[in-house]
Amino acid sequence: MTVKTGTASASTASDVICSLTLGTYIQGEDHQAAVAHIAKVRPGGPALADSLRTLLTMKTRAGYSHEHVNATDRKRAGRAAQKLLSAARQRRI
Protein backbone atom coordinates (compact mmCIF):
# COMPACT_ATOMS: atom_id res chain seq x y z
CA MET A 1 0.00 0.00 0.00
CA THR A 2 1.37 3.41 -0.89
CA VAL A 3 1.21 6.30 1.54
CA LYS A 4 -1.28 8.09 -0.72
CA THR A 5 -3.55 5.05 -0.99
CA GLY A 6 -3.37 4.39 2.73
CA THR A 7 -4.15 8.00 3.49
CA ALA A 8 -7.16 8.07 1.16
CA SER A 9 -8.57 4.87 2.66
CA ALA A 10 -7.91 5.98 6.22
CA SER A 11 -9.40 9.40 5.60
CA THR A 12 -12.59 7.77 4.36
CA ALA A 13 -12.56 5.45 7.38
CA SER A 14 -12.15 8.48 9.63
CA ASP A 15 -15.21 10.10 8.03
CA VAL A 16 -17.23 6.91 8.59
CA ILE A 17 -16.15 6.65 12.23
CA CYS A 18 -16.98 10.30 12.92
CA SER A 19 -20.30 10.10 11.09
CA LEU A 20 -21.39 7.03 13.02
CA THR A 21 -20.21 8.11 16.45
CA LEU A 22 -20.41 11.91 16.38
CA GLY A 23 -23.03 12.48 13.69
CA THR A 24 -20.74 14.71 11.61
CA TYR A 25 -17.42 14.64 9.82
CA ILE A 26 -15.01 17.32 8.64
CA GLN A 27 -15.11 18.19 4.95
CA GLY A 28 -12.32 19.94 3.12
CA GLU A 29 -8.58 20.18 3.48
CA ASP A 30 -8.27 21.25 7.12
CA HIS A 31 -6.25 18.32 8.41
CA GLN A 32 -5.92 19.71 11.93
CA ALA A 33 -9.70 20.00 12.23
CA ALA A 34 -10.15 16.41 11.04
CA VAL A 35 -7.62 15.14 13.60
CA ALA A 36 -9.25 17.16 16.39
CA HIS A 37 -12.68 15.90 15.39
CA ILE A 38 -11.82 12.19 15.43
CA ALA A 39 -10.08 12.69 18.79
CA LYS A 40 -13.59 13.28 20.25
CA VAL A 41 -14.69 9.72 19.37
CA ARG A 42 -15.13 7.38 22.32
CA PRO A 43 -13.68 4.91 22.88
CA GLY A 44 -10.26 5.30 21.30
CA GLY A 45 -10.45 8.76 19.78
CA PRO A 46 -7.00 9.99 20.81
CA ALA A 47 -5.31 6.88 19.37
CA LEU A 48 -7.31 7.21 16.15
CA ALA A 49 -6.32 10.87 15.96
CA ASP A 50 -2.65 9.89 16.30
CA SER A 51 -3.03 7.43 13.42
CA LEU A 52 -4.75 9.99 11.21
CA ARG A 53 -2.13 12.64 12.06
CA THR A 54 0.66 10.21 11.19
CA LEU A 55 -0.86 9.50 7.78
CA LEU A 56 -1.65 13.09 6.93
CA THR A 57 1.88 14.18 7.83
CA MET A 58 3.37 11.47 5.64
CA LYS A 59 0.98 12.30 2.81
CA THR A 60 2.25 15.86 2.84
CA ARG A 61 5.85 14.66 2.78
CA ALA A 62 5.22 12.05 0.08
CA GLY A 63 3.14 14.25 -2.17
CA TYR A 64 4.48 17.75 -1.76
CA SER A 65 8.15 17.60 -0.86
CA HIS A 66 11.37 16.17 -2.18
CA GLU A 67 11.73 13.89 0.87
CA HIS A 68 11.67 10.17 0.22
CA VAL A 69 9.32 8.00 2.26
CA ASN A 70 11.44 5.07 3.40
CA ALA A 71 10.36 1.49 4.14
CA THR A 72 10.02 2.14 7.87
CA ASP A 73 7.70 5.08 7.24
CA ARG A 74 5.66 3.04 4.75
CA LYS A 75 5.20 0.32 7.39
CA ARG A 76 4.20 2.94 9.96
CA ALA A 77 1.70 4.39 7.49
CA GLY A 78 0.29 0.93 6.80
CA ARG A 79 -0.21 0.26 10.51
CA ALA A 80 -1.87 3.64 11.02
CA ALA A 81 -4.21 3.04 8.08
CA GLN A 82 -5.07 -0.44 9.38
CA LYS A 83 -6.01 0.97 12.80
CA LEU A 84 -8.47 3.41 11.22
CA LEU A 85 -9.89 0.85 8.79
CA SER A 86 -10.35 -1.71 11.58
CA ALA A 87 -12.04 0.87 13.79
CA ALA A 88 -14.45 1.77 10.97
CA ARG A 89 -15.29 -1.90 10.38
CA GLN A 90 -15.99 -2.40 14.08
CA ARG A 91 -18.39 0.54 14.16
CA ARG A 92 -20.34 -0.08 10.98
CA ILE A 93 -24.06 -0.59 11.25
PDB file of N, CA and C in Angstrom:
ATOM      1  N   MET A   1       0.847  -1.174   0.000  1.00  0.00           N
ATOM      2  CA  MET A   1       0.000   0.000   0.000  1.00  0.00           C
ATOM      3  C   MET A   1       0.893   1.238   0.000  1.00  0.00           C
ATOM      4  N   THR A   2       0.614   2.164  -0.890  1.00  0.00           N
ATOM      5  CA  THR A   2       1.370   3.411  -0.892  1.00  0.00           C
ATOM      6  C   THR A   2       0.843   4.340   0.201  1.00  0.00           C
ATOM      7  N   VAL A   3       1.634   5.337   0.530  1.00  0.00           N
ATOM      8  CA  VAL A   3       1.213   6.302   1.544  1.00  0.00           C
ATOM      9  C   VAL A   3      -0.049   7.016   1.078  1.00  0.00           C
ATOM     10  N   LYS A   4      -0.105   7.381  -0.203  1.00  0.00           N
ATOM     11  CA  LYS A   4      -1.276   8.092  -0.725  1.00  0.00           C
ATOM     12  C   LYS A   4      -2.525   7.224  -0.672  1.00  0.00           C
ATOM     13  N   THR A   5      -2.406   5.959  -1.035  1.00  0.00           N
ATOM     14  CA  THR A   5      -3.554   5.050  -0.989  1.00  0.00           C
ATOM     15  C   THR A   5      -3.997   4.818   0.447  1.00  0.00           C
ATOM     16  N   GLY A   6      -3.042   4.599   1.321  1.00  0.00           N
ATOM     17  CA  GLY A   6      -3.370   4.393   2.731  1.00  0.00           C
ATOM     18  C   GLY A   6      -4.041   5.605   3.337  1.00  0.00           C
ATOM     19  N   THR A   7      -3.564   6.782   2.964  1.00  0.00           N
ATOM     20  CA  THR A   7      -4.155   8.004   3.491  1.00  0.00           C
ATOM     21  C   THR A   7      -5.575   8.194   2.984  1.00  0.00           C
ATOM     22  N   ALA A   8      -5.806   7.926   1.716  1.00  0.00           N
ATOM     23  CA  ALA A   8      -7.156   8.067   1.162  1.00  0.00           C
ATOM     24  C   ALA A   8      -8.125   7.109   1.837  1.00  0.00           C
ATOM     25  N   SER A   9      -7.711   5.863   2.001  1.00  0.00           N
ATOM     26  CA  SER A   9      -8.565   4.868   2.658  1.00  0.00           C
ATOM     27  C   SER A   9      -8.822   5.233   4.111  1.00  0.00           C
ATOM     28  N   ALA A  10      -7.782   5.636   4.805  1.00  0.00           N
ATOM     29  CA  ALA A  10      -7.911   5.976   6.218  1.00  0.00           C
ATOM     30  C   ALA A  10      -8.731   7.246   6.420  1.00  0.00           C
ATOM     31  N   SER A  11      -8.610   8.183   5.508  1.00  0.00           N
ATOM     32  CA  SER A  11      -9.400   9.405   5.600  1.00  0.00           C
ATOM     33  C   SER A  11     -10.889   9.089   5.451  1.00  0.00           C
ATOM     34  N   THR A  12     -11.203   8.211   4.529  1.00  0.00           N
ATOM     35  CA  THR A  12     -12.593   7.773   4.364  1.00  0.00           C
ATOM     36  C   THR A  12     -13.060   7.034   5.609  1.00  0.00           C
ATOM     37  N   ALA A  13     -12.214   6.174   6.150  1.00  0.00           N
ATOM     38  CA  ALA A  13     -12.557   5.446   7.381  1.00  0.00           C
ATOM     39  C   ALA A  13     -12.794   6.429   8.525  1.00  0.00           C
ATOM     40  N   SER A  14     -11.981   7.464   8.602  1.00  0.00           N
ATOM     41  CA  SER A  14     -12.150   8.483   9.629  1.00  0.00           C
ATOM     42  C   SER A  14     -13.508   9.175   9.495  1.00  0.00           C
ATOM     43  N   ASP A  15     -13.894   9.486   8.265  1.00  0.00           N
ATOM     44  CA  ASP A  15     -15.208  10.103   8.025  1.00  0.00           C
ATOM     45  C   ASP A  15     -16.341   9.180   8.470  1.00  0.00           C
ATOM     46  N   VAL A  16     -16.204   7.892   8.187  1.00  0.00           N
ATOM     47  CA  VAL A  16     -17.228   6.914   8.588  1.00  0.00           C
ATOM     48  C   VAL A  16     -17.316   6.849  10.110  1.00  0.00           C
ATOM     49  N   ILE A  17     -16.175   6.737  10.763  1.00  0.00           N
ATOM     50  CA  ILE A  17     -16.145   6.655  12.229  1.00  0.00           C
ATOM     51  C   ILE A  17     -16.807   7.892  12.841  1.00  0.00           C
ATOM     52  N   CYS A  18     -16.413   9.056  12.366  1.00  0.00           N
ATOM     53  CA  CYS A  18     -16.975  10.300  12.915  1.00  0.00           C
ATOM     54  C   CYS A  18     -18.467  10.408  12.625  1.00  0.00           C
ATOM     55  N   SER A  19     -18.876  10.037  11.437  1.00  0.00           N
ATOM     56  CA  SER A  19     -20.304  10.105  11.095  1.00  0.00           C
ATOM     57  C   SER A  19     -21.133   9.196  11.993  1.00  0.00           C
ATOM     58  N   LEU A  20     -20.640   7.993  12.211  1.00  0.00           N
ATOM     59  CA  LEU A  20     -21.393   7.031  13.021  1.00  0.00           C
ATOM     60  C   LEU A  20     -21.402   7.376  14.506  1.00  0.00           C
ATOM     61  N   THR A  21     -20.304   7.886  15.010  1.00  0.00           N
ATOM     62  CA  THR A  21     -20.213   8.109  16.450  1.00  0.00           C
ATOM     63  C   THR A  21     -20.511   9.543  16.880  1.00  0.00           C
ATOM     64  N   LEU A  22     -20.213  10.511  16.018  1.00  0.00           N
ATOM     65  CA  LEU A  22     -20.410  11.912  16.376  1.00  0.00           C
ATOM     66  C   LEU A  22     -21.536  12.579  15.591  1.00  0.00           C
ATOM     67  N   GLY A  23     -21.951  11.931  14.513  1.00  0.00           N
ATOM     68  CA  GLY A  23     -23.027  12.480  13.690  1.00  0.00           C
ATOM     69  C   GLY A  23     -22.562  13.464  12.630  1.00  0.00           C
ATOM     70  N   THR A  24     -21.289  13.798  12.612  1.00  0.00           N
ATOM     71  CA  THR A  24     -20.737  14.711  11.614  1.00  0.00           C
ATOM     72  C   THR A  24     -19.307  14.300  11.276  1.00  0.00           C
ATOM     73  N   TYR A  25     -18.823  14.811  10.161  1.00  0.00           N
ATOM     74  CA  TYR A  25     -17.416  14.641   9.821  1.00  0.00           C
ATOM     75  C   TYR A  25     -16.916  15.940   9.203  1.00  0.00           C
ATOM     76  N   ILE A  26     -15.613  16.089   9.145  1.00  0.00           N
ATOM     77  CA  ILE A  26     -15.007  17.319   8.639  1.00  0.00           C
ATOM     78  C   ILE A  26     -14.792  17.189   7.132  1.00  0.00           C
ATOM     79  N   GLN A  27     -15.312  18.147   6.396  1.00  0.00           N
ATOM     80  CA  GLN A  27     -15.111  18.185   4.948  1.00  0.00           C
ATOM     81  C   GLN A  27     -14.033  19.208   4.625  1.00  0.00           C
ATOM     82  N   GLY A  28     -13.322  18.978   3.560  1.00  0.00           N
ATOM     83  CA  GLY A  28     -12.322  19.944   3.125  1.00  0.00           C
ATOM     84  C   GLY A  28     -10.911  19.508   3.441  1.00  0.00           C
ATOM     85  N   GLU A  29     -10.020  20.461   3.359  1.00  0.00           N
ATOM     86  CA  GLU A  29      -8.584  20.181   3.477  1.00  0.00           C
ATOM     87  C   GLU A  29      -7.977  20.546   4.826  1.00  0.00           C
ATOM     88  N   ASP A  30      -8.792  20.855   5.812  1.00  0.00           N
ATOM     89  CA  ASP A  30      -8.273  21.246   7.123  1.00  0.00           C
ATOM     90  C   ASP A  30      -7.920  19.994   7.927  1.00  0.00           C
ATOM     91  N   HIS A  31      -6.685  19.556   7.773  1.00  0.00           N
ATOM     92  CA  HIS A  31      -6.251  18.321   8.415  1.00  0.00           C
ATOM     93  C   HIS A  31      -6.286  18.415   9.928  1.00  0.00           C
ATOM     94  N   GLN A  32      -5.922  19.558  10.475  1.00  0.00           N
ATOM     95  CA  GLN A  32      -5.923  19.707  11.933  1.00  0.00           C
ATOM     96  C   GLN A  32      -7.330  19.576  12.491  1.00  0.00           C
ATOM     97  N   ALA A  33      -8.311  20.112  11.776  1.00  0.00           N
ATOM     98  CA  ALA A  33      -9.702  20.001  12.230  1.00  0.00           C
ATOM     99  C   ALA A  33     -10.163  18.548  12.183  1.00  0.00           C
ATOM    100  N   ALA A  34      -9.763  17.819  11.154  1.00  0.00           N
ATOM    101  CA  ALA A  34     -10.147  16.408  11.039  1.00  0.00           C
ATOM    102  C   ALA A  34      -9.542  15.589  12.172  1.00  0.00           C
ATOM    103  N   VAL A  35      -8.290  15.851  12.501  1.00  0.00           N
ATOM    104  CA  VAL A  35      -7.620  15.142  13.599  1.00  0.00           C
ATOM    105  C   VAL A  35      -8.292  15.483  14.928  1.00  0.00           C
ATOM    106  N   ALA A  36      -8.588  16.753  15.142  1.00  0.00           N
ATOM    107  CA  ALA A  36      -9.246  17.164  16.389  1.00  0.00           C
ATOM    108  C   ALA A  36     -10.641  16.558  16.498  1.00  0.00           C
ATOM    109  N   HIS A  37     -11.325  16.437  15.377  1.00  0.00           N
ATOM    110  CA  HIS A  37     -12.682  15.902  15.393  1.00  0.00           C
ATOM    111  C   HIS A  37     -12.695  14.413  15.750  1.00  0.00           C
ATOM    112  N   ILE A  38     -11.814  13.626  15.131  1.00  0.00           N
ATOM    113  CA  ILE A  38     -11.815  12.186  15.425  1.00  0.00           C
ATOM    114  C   ILE A  38     -11.317  11.924  16.848  1.00  0.00           C
ATOM    115  N   ALA A  39     -10.548  12.851  17.401  1.00  0.00           N
ATOM    116  CA  ALA A  39     -10.085  12.693  18.790  1.00  0.00           C
ATOM    117  C   ALA A  39     -11.250  12.685  19.777  1.00  0.00           C
ATOM    118  N   LYS A  40     -12.399  13.235  19.387  1.00  0.00           N
ATOM    119  CA  LYS A  40     -13.590  13.279  20.251  1.00  0.00           C
ATOM    120  C   LYS A  40     -14.322  11.937  20.331  1.00  0.00           C
ATOM    121  N   VAL A  41     -14.019  11.028  19.422  1.00  0.00           N
ATOM    122  CA  VAL A  41     -14.685   9.723  19.371  1.00  0.00           C
ATOM    123  C   VAL A  41     -14.350   8.936  20.631  1.00  0.00           C
ATOM    124  N   ARG A  42     -15.336   8.257  21.176  1.00  0.00           N
ATOM    125  CA  ARG A  42     -15.132   7.380  22.322  1.00  0.00           C
ATOM    126  C   ARG A  42     -15.702   6.018  22.014  1.00  0.00           C
ATOM    127  N   PRO A  43     -15.033   4.973  22.329  1.00  0.00           N
ATOM    128  CA  PRO A  43     -13.677   4.912  22.879  1.00  0.00           C
ATOM    129  C   PRO A  43     -12.619   5.040  21.777  1.00  0.00           C
ATOM    130  N   GLY A  44     -11.418   5.381  22.185  1.00  0.00           N
ATOM    131  CA  GLY A  44     -10.263   5.301  21.296  1.00  0.00           C
ATOM    132  C   GLY A  44      -9.951   6.506  20.443  1.00  0.00           C
ATOM    133  N   GLY A  45     -10.652   7.600  20.625  1.00  0.00           N
ATOM    134  CA  GLY A  45     -10.448   8.764  19.776  1.00  0.00           C
ATOM    135  C   GLY A  45      -9.030   9.297  19.720  1.00  0.00           C
ATOM    136  N   PRO A  46      -8.377   9.470  20.864  1.00  0.00           N
ATOM    137  CA  PRO A  46      -7.005   9.990  20.808  1.00  0.00           C
ATOM    138  C   PRO A  46      -6.044   9.094  20.007  1.00  0.00           C
ATOM    139  N   ALA A  47      -6.174   7.794  20.137  1.00  0.00           N
ATOM    140  CA  ALA A  47      -5.308   6.883  19.369  1.00  0.00           C
ATOM    141  C   ALA A  47      -5.630   6.961  17.878  1.00  0.00           C
ATOM    142  N   LEU A  48      -6.920   7.066  17.549  1.00  0.00           N
ATOM    143  CA  LEU A  48      -7.311   7.206  16.145  1.00  0.00           C
ATOM    144  C   LEU A  48      -6.795   8.526  15.579  1.00  0.00           C
ATOM    145  N   ALA A  49      -6.836   9.572  16.396  1.00  0.00           N
ATOM    146  CA  ALA A  49      -6.317  10.875  15.965  1.00  0.00           C
ATOM    147  C   ALA A  49      -4.821  10.787  15.685  1.00  0.00           C
ATOM    148  N   ASP A  50      -4.089  10.067  16.535  1.00  0.00           N
ATOM    149  CA  ASP A  50      -2.653   9.886  16.299  1.00  0.00           C
ATOM    150  C   ASP A  50      -2.394   9.188  14.976  1.00  0.00           C
ATOM    151  N   SER A  51      -3.190   8.155  14.685  1.00  0.00           N
ATOM    152  CA  SER A  51      -3.031   7.425  13.421  1.00  0.00           C
ATOM    153  C   SER A  51      -3.327   8.323  12.231  1.00  0.00           C
ATOM    154  N   LEU A  52      -4.399   9.086  12.311  1.00  0.00           N
ATOM    155  CA  LEU A  52      -4.749   9.986  11.206  1.00  0.00           C
ATOM    156  C   LEU A  52      -3.683  11.053  11.034  1.00  0.00           C
ATOM    157  N   ARG A  53      -3.190  11.614  12.125  1.00  0.00           N
ATOM    158  CA  ARG A  53      -2.132  12.636  12.065  1.00  0.00           C
ATOM    159  C   ARG A  53      -0.878  12.068  11.402  1.00  0.00           C
ATOM    160  N   THR A  54      -0.508  10.863  11.777  1.00  0.00           N
ATOM    161  CA  THR A  54       0.662  10.209  11.185  1.00  0.00           C
ATOM    162  C   THR A  54       0.520  10.121   9.673  1.00  0.00           C
ATOM    163  N   LEU A  55      -0.632   9.659   9.221  1.00  0.00           N
ATOM    164  CA  LEU A  55      -0.857   9.499   7.782  1.00  0.00           C
ATOM    165  C   LEU A  55      -0.882  10.828   7.043  1.00  0.00           C
ATOM    166  N   LEU A  56      -1.551  11.798   7.607  1.00  0.00           N
ATOM    167  CA  LEU A  56      -1.653  13.089   6.927  1.00  0.00           C
ATOM    168  C   LEU A  56      -0.298  13.784   6.842  1.00  0.00           C
ATOM    169  N   THR A  57       0.526  13.614   7.866  1.00  0.00           N
ATOM    170  CA  THR A  57       1.875  14.185   7.834  1.00  0.00           C
ATOM    171  C   THR A  57       2.708  13.515   6.757  1.00  0.00           C
ATOM    172  N   MET A  58       2.613  12.191   6.673  1.00  0.00           N
ATOM    173  CA  MET A  58       3.370  11.469   5.644  1.00  0.00           C
ATOM    174  C   MET A  58       2.858  11.780   4.250  1.00  0.00           C
ATOM    175  N   LYS A  59       1.555  11.955   4.122  1.00  0.00           N
ATOM    176  CA  LYS A  59       0.984  12.301   2.814  1.00  0.00           C
ATOM    177  C   LYS A  59       1.580  13.617   2.322  1.00  0.00           C
ATOM    178  N   THR A  60       1.681  14.572   3.205  1.00  0.00           N
ATOM    179  CA  THR A  60       2.252  15.863   2.840  1.00  0.00           C
ATOM    180  C   THR A  60       3.695  15.687   2.394  1.00  0.00           C
ATOM    181  N   ARG A  61       4.447  14.904   3.153  1.00  0.00           N
ATOM    182  CA  ARG A  61       5.846  14.660   2.782  1.00  0.00           C
ATOM    183  C   ARG A  61       5.954  13.922   1.457  1.00  0.00           C
ATOM    184  N   ALA A  62       5.139  12.884   1.282  1.00  0.00           N
ATOM    185  CA  ALA A  62       5.220  12.054   0.081  1.00  0.00           C
ATOM    186  C   ALA A  62       4.749  12.802  -1.167  1.00  0.00           C
ATOM    187  N   GLY A  63       3.737  13.631  -1.000  1.00  0.00           N
ATOM    188  CA  GLY A  63       3.142  14.250  -2.166  1.00  0.00           C
ATOM    189  C   GLY A  63       3.646  15.630  -2.513  1.00  0.00           C
ATOM    190  N   TYR A  64       4.185  16.344  -1.522  1.00  0.00           N
ATOM    191  CA  TYR A  64       4.482  17.754  -1.763  1.00  0.00           C
ATOM    192  C   TYR A  64       5.898  18.169  -1.416  1.00  0.00           C
ATOM    193  N   SER A  65       6.770  17.222  -1.148  1.00  0.00           N
ATOM    194  CA  SER A  65       8.146  17.603  -0.857  1.00  0.00           C
ATOM    195  C   SER A  65       9.098  16.682  -1.607  1.00  0.00           C
ATOM    196  N   HIS A  66      10.349  16.990  -1.528  1.00  0.00           N
ATOM    197  CA  HIS A  66      11.366  16.172  -2.181  1.00  0.00           C
ATOM    198  C   HIS A  66      11.837  15.021  -1.291  1.00  0.00           C
ATOM    199  N   GLU A  67      11.323  14.946  -0.059  1.00  0.00           N
ATOM    200  CA  GLU A  67      11.731  13.893   0.870  1.00  0.00           C
ATOM    201  C   GLU A  67      11.210  12.538   0.417  1.00  0.00           C
ATOM    202  N   HIS A  68      12.045  11.543   0.548  1.00  0.00           N
ATOM    203  CA  HIS A  68      11.673  10.172   0.215  1.00  0.00           C
ATOM    204  C   HIS A  68      11.010   9.514   1.427  1.00  0.00           C
ATOM    205  N   VAL A  69       9.959   8.759   1.194  1.00  0.00           N
ATOM    206  CA  VAL A  69       9.316   8.001   2.264  1.00  0.00           C
ATOM    207  C   VAL A  69       9.970   6.620   2.278  1.00  0.00           C
ATOM    208  N   ASN A  70      10.686   6.315   3.343  1.00  0.00           N
ATOM    209  CA  ASN A  70      11.438   5.069   3.397  1.00  0.00           C
ATOM    210  C   ASN A  70      10.550   3.888   3.819  1.00  0.00           C
ATOM    211  N   ALA A  71      11.113   2.715   3.837  1.00  0.00           N
ATOM    212  CA  ALA A  71      10.360   1.490   4.145  1.00  0.00           C
ATOM    213  C   ALA A  71       9.781   1.522   5.557  1.00  0.00           C
ATOM    214  N   THR A  72      10.520   2.055   6.494  1.00  0.00           N
ATOM    215  CA  THR A  72      10.023   2.143   7.871  1.00  0.00           C
ATOM    216  C   THR A  72       8.787   3.041   7.941  1.00  0.00           C
ATOM    217  N   ASP A  73       8.844   4.172   7.269  1.00  0.00           N
ATOM    218  CA  ASP A  73       7.695   5.083   7.242  1.00  0.00           C
ATOM    219  C   ASP A  73       6.499   4.454   6.530  1.00  0.00           C
ATOM    220  N   ARG A  74       6.759   3.719   5.456  1.00  0.00           N
ATOM    221  CA  ARG A  74       5.655   3.042   4.749  1.00  0.00           C
ATOM    222  C   ARG A  74       4.986   2.015   5.656  1.00  0.00           C
ATOM    223  N   LYS A  75       5.773   1.279   6.434  1.00  0.00           N
ATOM    224  CA  LYS A  75       5.200   0.316   7.387  1.00  0.00           C
ATOM    225  C   LYS A  75       4.379   1.035   8.452  1.00  0.00           C
ATOM    226  N   ARG A  76       4.916   2.136   8.952  1.00  0.00           N
ATOM    227  CA  ARG A  76       4.200   2.935   9.955  1.00  0.00           C
ATOM    228  C   ARG A  76       2.883   3.464   9.384  1.00  0.00           C
ATOM    229  N   ALA A  77       2.918   3.906   8.146  1.00  0.00           N
ATOM    230  CA  ALA A  77       1.697   4.394   7.485  1.00  0.00           C
ATOM    231  C   ALA A  77       0.698   3.257   7.322  1.00  0.00           C
ATOM    232  N   GLY A  78       1.178   2.082   6.958  1.00  0.00           N
ATOM    233  CA  GLY A  78       0.294   0.928   6.802  1.00  0.00           C
ATOM    234  C   GLY A  78      -0.379   0.543   8.103  1.00  0.00           C
ATOM    235  N   ARG A  79       0.372   0.569   9.195  1.00  0.00           N
ATOM    236  CA  ARG A  79      -0.206   0.261  10.511  1.00  0.00           C
ATOM    237  C   ARG A  79      -1.236   1.307  10.921  1.00  0.00           C
ATOM    238  N   ALA A  80      -0.931   2.563  10.667  1.00  0.00           N
ATOM    239  CA  ALA A  80      -1.868   3.637  11.022  1.00  0.00           C
ATOM    240  C   ALA A  80      -3.153   3.506  10.213  1.00  0.00           C
ATOM    241  N   ALA A  81      -3.021   3.215   8.932  1.00  0.00           N
ATOM    242  CA  ALA A  81      -4.210   3.041   8.085  1.00  0.00           C
ATOM    243  C   ALA A  81      -5.031   1.845   8.559  1.00  0.00           C
ATOM    244  N   GLN A  82      -4.361   0.756   8.902  1.00  0.00           N
ATOM    245  CA  GLN A  82      -5.072  -0.439   9.382  1.00  0.00           C
ATOM    246  C   GLN A  82      -5.867  -0.147  10.641  1.00  0.00           C
ATOM    247  N   LYS A  83      -5.297   0.636  11.560  1.00  0.00           N
ATOM    248  CA  LYS A  83      -6.015   0.974  12.797  1.00  0.00           C
ATOM    249  C   LYS A  83      -7.322   1.697  12.480  1.00  0.00           C
ATOM    250  N   LEU A  84      -7.265   2.656  11.565  1.00  0.00           N
ATOM    251  CA  LEU A  84      -8.466   3.407  11.219  1.00  0.00           C
ATOM    252  C   LEU A  84      -9.465   2.536  10.464  1.00  0.00           C
ATOM    253  N   LEU A  85      -8.986   1.727   9.539  1.00  0.00           N
ATOM    254  CA  LEU A  85      -9.888   0.850   8.787  1.00  0.00           C
ATOM    255  C   LEU A  85     -10.547  -0.180   9.703  1.00  0.00           C
ATOM    256  N   SER A  86      -9.784  -0.746  10.627  1.00  0.00           N
ATOM    257  CA  SER A  86     -10.349  -1.714  11.577  1.00  0.00           C
ATOM    258  C   SER A  86     -11.388  -1.059  12.480  1.00  0.00           C
ATOM    259  N   ALA A  87     -11.097   0.150  12.938  1.00  0.00           N
ATOM    260  CA  ALA A  87     -12.042   0.865  13.794  1.00  0.00           C
ATOM    261  C   ALA A  87     -13.336   1.167  13.048  1.00  0.00           C
ATOM    262  N   ALA A  88     -13.238   1.508  11.773  1.00  0.00           N
ATOM    263  CA  ALA A  88     -14.446   1.768  10.971  1.00  0.00           C
ATOM    264  C   ALA A  88     -15.259   0.490  10.793  1.00  0.00           C
ATOM    265  N   ARG A  89     -14.576  -0.621  10.538  1.00  0.00           N
ATOM    266  CA  ARG A  89     -15.286  -1.903  10.380  1.00  0.00           C
ATOM    267  C   ARG A  89     -16.006  -2.295  11.668  1.00  0.00           C
ATOM    268  N   GLN A  90     -15.388  -2.056  12.802  1.00  0.00           N
ATOM    269  CA  GLN A  90     -15.988  -2.398  14.085  1.00  0.00           C
ATOM    270  C   GLN A  90     -17.223  -1.572  14.398  1.00  0.00           C
ATOM    271  N   ARG A  91     -17.281  -0.368  13.861  1.00  0.00           N
ATOM    272  CA  ARG A  91     -18.389   0.544  14.162  1.00  0.00           C
ATOM    273  C   ARG A  91     -19.512   0.518  13.139  1.00  0.00           C
ATOM    274  N   ARG A  92     -19.321  -0.142  12.045  1.00  0.00           N
ATOM    275  CA  ARG A  92     -20.338  -0.076  10.983  1.00  0.00           C
ATOM    276  C   ARG A  92     -21.661  -0.659  11.465  1.00  0.00           C
ATOM    277  N   ILE A  93     -22.700  -0.171  10.855  1.00  0.00           N
ATOM    278  CA  ILE A  93     -24.060  -0.592  11.250  1.00  0.00           C
ATOM    279  C   ILE A  93     -24.406  -1.904  10.583  1.00  0.00           C
TER     280      ILE A  93
END
